[in-house]
């Protein structure tokens, strides 16, 4: 019987490499993917397991308004405060940089690497933003935070030293959904206030000063 598979996700490729190097004792092999994947055999919760360690690059999703609110002429900026919002992946057709190309493919990458895995260990930054990214990763991988068949764990660490990584690995906890929801609220407020006032200011100054007519005033 094949050993269970454990997928571990870090916030950056460099952190994934540090975690894999430490937890494998340097006995790993790496392969290229959307972000690199490091694999090795080891022990997890007292039993043999096959590990895969990879990463995201910050947030997987961003928030935006539905299409019906995208038309400036048809939408009163004040209406945006009551509008619904949704989370979307980066647009894979628009790549301003290598990092934006990677972000557009991260969710598919995580979904592919999660196939056949029975354990997910989240090594995202230990702040509210990191907690929010934890739940983005959970969504992409198809795991559920409260599922006894495919378990989700959260690693709490303050640095990527060998001591802190091994301590975190031995003291795994559950991800904190309340901290993640706090970030969802902050993102919604930022989006609504930012977009509403940008549209209001741009419309207000249009026609008053010639050199501003072709600009978005944020």
Protein backbone atom coordinates (compact mmCIF):
# COMPACT_ATOMS: atom_id res chain seq x y z
CA UNK A 1 0.00 0.00 0.00
CA UNK A 2 1.39 3.37 -1.03
CA UNK A 3 2.10 5.85 1.77
CA UNK A 4 -0.32 8.79 2.11
CA UNK A 5 0.61 11.99 0.33
CA UNK A 6 1.10 15.29 2.17
CA UNK A 7 0.95 18.56 0.23
CA UNK A 8 2.63 21.54 1.90
CA UNK A 9 2.10 25.08 0.56
CA UNK A 10 4.29 28.10 1.36
CA UNK A 11 3.78 31.76 0.48
CA UNK A 12 6.87 32.06 -1.73
CA UNK A 13 9.09 29.65 -3.69
CA UNK A 14 12.11 30.51 -1.52
CA UNK A 15 10.20 29.62 1.67
CA UNK A 16 8.97 26.37 0.11
CA UNK A 17 12.59 25.47 -0.65
CA UNK A 18 13.66 26.20 2.95
CA UNK A 19 10.80 24.13 4.39
CA UNK A 20 11.49 21.22 2.05
CA UNK A 21 15.24 21.30 2.72
CA UNK A 22 14.73 21.26 6.47
CA UNK A 23 11.93 18.71 6.75
CA UNK A 24 13.63 16.33 4.29
CA UNK A 25 17.10 16.68 5.79
CA UNK A 26 18.24 17.79 2.35
CA UNK A 27 17.13 14.47 0.81
CA UNK A 28 14.64 15.72 -1.77
CA UNK A 29 14.29 16.04 -5.50
CA UNK A 30 12.79 19.07 -7.22
CA UNK A 31 10.87 19.52 -10.43
CA UNK A 32 9.68 22.53 -12.34
CA UNK A 33 6.05 23.57 -12.22
CA UNK A 34 4.15 26.83 -12.14
CA UNK A 35 6.21 27.12 -8.96
CA UNK A 36 8.84 24.50 -8.13
CA UNK A 37 7.72 21.29 -6.41
CA UNK A 38 10.04 19.52 -3.95
CA UNK A 39 9.33 15.86 -3.15
CA UNK A 40 10.68 13.46 -0.55
CA UNK A 41 9.78 10.57 1.74
CA UNK A 42 9.45 11.20 5.45
CA UNK A 43 7.38 10.79 8.60
CA UNK A 44 4.13 12.67 9.23
CA UNK A 45 2.26 12.36 12.54
CA UNK A 46 4.15 9.17 13.24
CA UNK A 47 3.60 7.37 9.92
CA UNK A 48 5.56 7.19 6.64
CA UNK A 49 4.38 9.65 4.00
CA UNK A 50 5.27 11.10 0.62
CA UNK A 51 5.69 14.88 0.79
CA UNK A 52 5.23 17.50 -1.90
CA UNK A 53 6.18 21.11 -1.09
CA UNK A 54 5.30 24.00 -3.38
CA UNK A 55 4.10 27.61 -3.07
CA UNK A 56 1.82 30.41 -4.11
CA UNK A 57 3.03 33.96 -4.78
CA UNK A 58 0.92 36.03 -2.41
CA UNK A 59 -2.85 36.17 -2.88
CA UNK A 60 -4.39 33.76 -5.40
CA UNK A 61 -7.59 35.80 -5.86
CA UNK A 62 -8.54 39.46 -6.04
CA UNK A 63 -11.90 41.11 -5.43
CA UNK A 64 -13.92 42.95 -8.07
CA UNK A 65 -17.43 44.09 -8.95
CA UNK A 66 -19.68 42.06 -11.27
CA UNK A 67 -19.82 43.12 -14.92
CA UNK A 68 -23.01 45.17 -14.49
CA UNK A 69 -21.14 47.64 -12.27
CA UNK A 70 -18.17 48.10 -14.61
CA UNK A 71 -19.89 50.71 -16.81
CA UNK A 72 -19.07 54.11 -15.27
CA UNK A 73 -21.83 55.91 -17.16
CA UNK A 74 -24.53 53.48 -16.03
CA UNK A 75 -23.56 53.24 -12.36
CA UNK A 76 -23.86 55.89 -9.68
CA UNK A 77 -20.69 55.70 -7.53
CA UNK A 78 -22.90 55.69 -4.41
CA UNK A 79 -24.52 52.44 -5.59
CA UNK A 80 -21.18 50.66 -5.33
CA UNK A 81 -21.39 50.67 -1.53
CA UNK A 82 -24.42 48.33 -1.70
CA UNK A 83 -23.16 46.27 -4.63
CA UNK A 84 -22.16 42.64 -4.35
CA UNK A 85 -18.55 41.71 -5.05
CA UNK A 86 -16.84 38.49 -6.05
CA UNK A 87 -13.36 36.98 -6.01
CA UNK A 88 -11.63 36.29 -9.30
CA UNK A 89 -8.35 34.77 -10.36
CA UNK A 90 -5.77 36.83 -12.19
CA UNK A 91 -6.65 37.19 -15.88
CA UNK A 92 -4.52 34.61 -17.74
CA UNK A 93 -4.73 36.68 -20.95
CA UNK A 94 -3.02 39.74 -19.47
CA UNK A 95 0.55 39.30 -18.25
CA UNK A 96 2.41 42.43 -17.20
CA UNK A 97 5.27 40.43 -15.69
CA UNK A 98 6.52 36.91 -14.97
CA UNK A 99 4.89 37.08 -11.52
CA UNK A 100 1.48 37.95 -13.00
CA UNK A 101 1.79 34.98 -15.38
CA UNK A 102 2.50 32.71 -12.40
CA UNK A 103 -0.42 34.07 -10.38
CA UNK A 104 -2.79 33.37 -13.25
CA UNK A 105 -1.85 29.68 -13.17
CA UNK A 106 -1.41 29.11 -9.44
CA UNK A 107 -4.91 27.79 -8.70
CA UNK A 108 -4.69 25.17 -11.44
CA UNK A 109 -1.19 24.25 -10.24
CA UNK A 110 -2.43 23.73 -6.67
CA UNK A 111 -5.41 21.70 -7.87
CA UNK A 112 -3.18 19.39 -9.88
CA UNK A 113 -0.66 18.88 -7.08
CA UNK A 114 -3.45 18.18 -4.56
CA UNK A 115 -4.74 15.16 -6.50
CA UNK A 116 -4.29 12.03 -4.45
CA UNK A 117 -3.16 13.96 -1.35
CA UNK A 118 -4.89 13.23 1.94
CA UNK A 119 -3.20 15.95 4.04
CA UNK A 120 -2.68 19.66 3.38
CA UNK A 121 -0.24 21.70 5.48
CA UNK A 122 -0.42 25.49 5.10
CA UNK A 123 2.84 27.40 5.61
CA UNK A 124 1.53 30.87 4.79
CA UNK A 125 2.72 33.99 6.62
CA UNK A 126 1.46 34.12 10.20
CA UNK A 127 -0.65 37.25 9.94
CA UNK A 128 -4.21 37.95 8.82
CA UNK A 129 -3.26 38.21 5.15
CA UNK A 130 -1.53 34.85 5.38
CA UNK A 131 -4.58 33.35 7.05
CA UNK A 132 -6.73 34.65 4.21
CA UNK A 133 -4.42 33.07 1.65
CA UNK A 134 -4.74 29.80 3.57
CA UNK A 135 -8.42 29.67 2.70
CA UNK A 136 -7.72 30.63 -0.93
CA UNK A 137 -5.37 27.64 -1.11
CA UNK A 138 -7.99 25.40 0.53
CA UNK A 139 -10.47 26.47 -2.15
CA UNK A 140 -8.03 25.79 -5.00
CA UNK A 141 -7.00 22.36 -3.72
CA UNK A 142 -10.53 21.11 -3.10
CA UNK A 143 -9.84 20.40 0.58
CA UNK A 144 -12.30 21.44 3.29
CA UNK A 145 -11.23 23.02 6.58
CA UNK A 146 -13.50 20.63 8.55
CA UNK A 147 -13.06 17.27 6.82
CA UNK A 148 -11.75 14.19 8.63
CA UNK A 149 -11.04 12.37 5.36
CA UNK A 150 -8.69 15.00 3.90
CA UNK A 151 -7.15 16.90 6.79
CA UNK A 152 -6.03 20.54 6.71
CA UNK A 153 -3.29 21.77 9.05
CA UNK A 154 -1.78 25.20 9.74
CA UNK A 155 1.91 25.67 10.55
CA UNK A 156 2.69 28.55 12.93
CA UNK A 157 6.25 29.84 12.62
CA UNK A 158 8.15 33.10 13.06
CA UNK A 159 11.17 32.40 10.85
CA UNK A 160 12.49 29.79 8.43
CA UNK A 161 15.32 28.62 10.66
CA UNK A 162 15.64 24.87 11.13
CA UNK A 163 14.55 25.16 14.78
CA UNK A 164 11.36 27.11 13.99
CA UNK A 165 10.39 24.94 11.01
CA UNK A 166 10.76 21.68 12.94
CA UNK A 167 8.91 23.13 15.93
CA UNK A 168 6.03 24.26 13.69
CA UNK A 169 5.90 20.86 12.01
CA UNK A 170 5.49 19.19 15.39
CA UNK A 171 2.80 21.64 16.60
CA UNK A 172 0.36 21.92 13.69
CA UNK A 173 -2.99 23.64 14.36
CA UNK A 174 -6.17 24.46 12.44
CA UNK A 175 -6.37 27.54 10.19
CA UNK A 176 -8.26 30.50 11.70
CA UNK A 177 -11.30 31.32 9.56
CA UNK A 178 -12.21 34.42 11.61
CA UNK A 179 -8.89 36.11 10.76
CA UNK A 180 -9.42 35.22 7.11
CA UNK A 181 -12.91 36.75 7.15
CA UNK A 182 -11.49 39.96 8.66
CA UNK A 183 -9.31 40.31 5.57
CA UNK A 184 -12.31 39.67 3.31
CA UNK A 185 -14.07 42.57 5.03
CA UNK A 186 -11.04 44.86 4.66
CA UNK A 187 -10.71 43.97 0.96
CA UNK A 188 -14.38 44.75 0.34
CA UNK A 189 -14.12 48.13 2.11
CA UNK A 190 -10.93 49.03 0.21
CA UNK A 191 -12.50 48.11 -3.12
CA UNK A 192 -15.77 49.98 -2.58
CA UNK A 193 -14.25 53.14 -1.11
CA UNK A 194 -11.41 53.25 -3.64
CA UNK A 195 -13.50 52.66 -6.75
CA UNK A 196 -16.43 54.84 -5.68
CA UNK A 197 -14.27 57.87 -4.90
CA UNK A 198 -12.10 57.40 -7.99
CA UNK A 199 -15.18 57.39 -10.21
CA UNK A 200 -16.74 60.33 -8.35
CA UNK A 201 -13.59 62.48 -8.55
CA UNK A 202 -12.92 61.63 -12.18
CA UNK A 203 -16.50 62.53 -13.18
CA UNK A 204 -16.55 65.65 -11.01
CA UNK A 205 -13.40 67.15 -12.50
CA UNK A 206 -14.19 66.17 -16.08
CA UNK A 207 -14.67 69.32 -18.15
CA UNK A 208 -13.35 71.66 -15.45
CA UNK A 209 -9.67 71.39 -16.28
CA UNK A 210 -8.62 70.45 -19.80
CA UNK A 211 -5.48 68.60 -18.82
CA UNK A 212 -7.48 66.29 -16.49
CA UNK A 213 -10.17 65.21 -18.95
CA UNK A 214 -8.32 62.14 -20.21
CA UNK A 215 -7.10 60.96 -16.81
CA UNK A 216 -8.49 58.76 -14.06
CA UNK A 217 -8.16 60.72 -10.81
CA UNK A 218 -7.60 58.25 -8.00
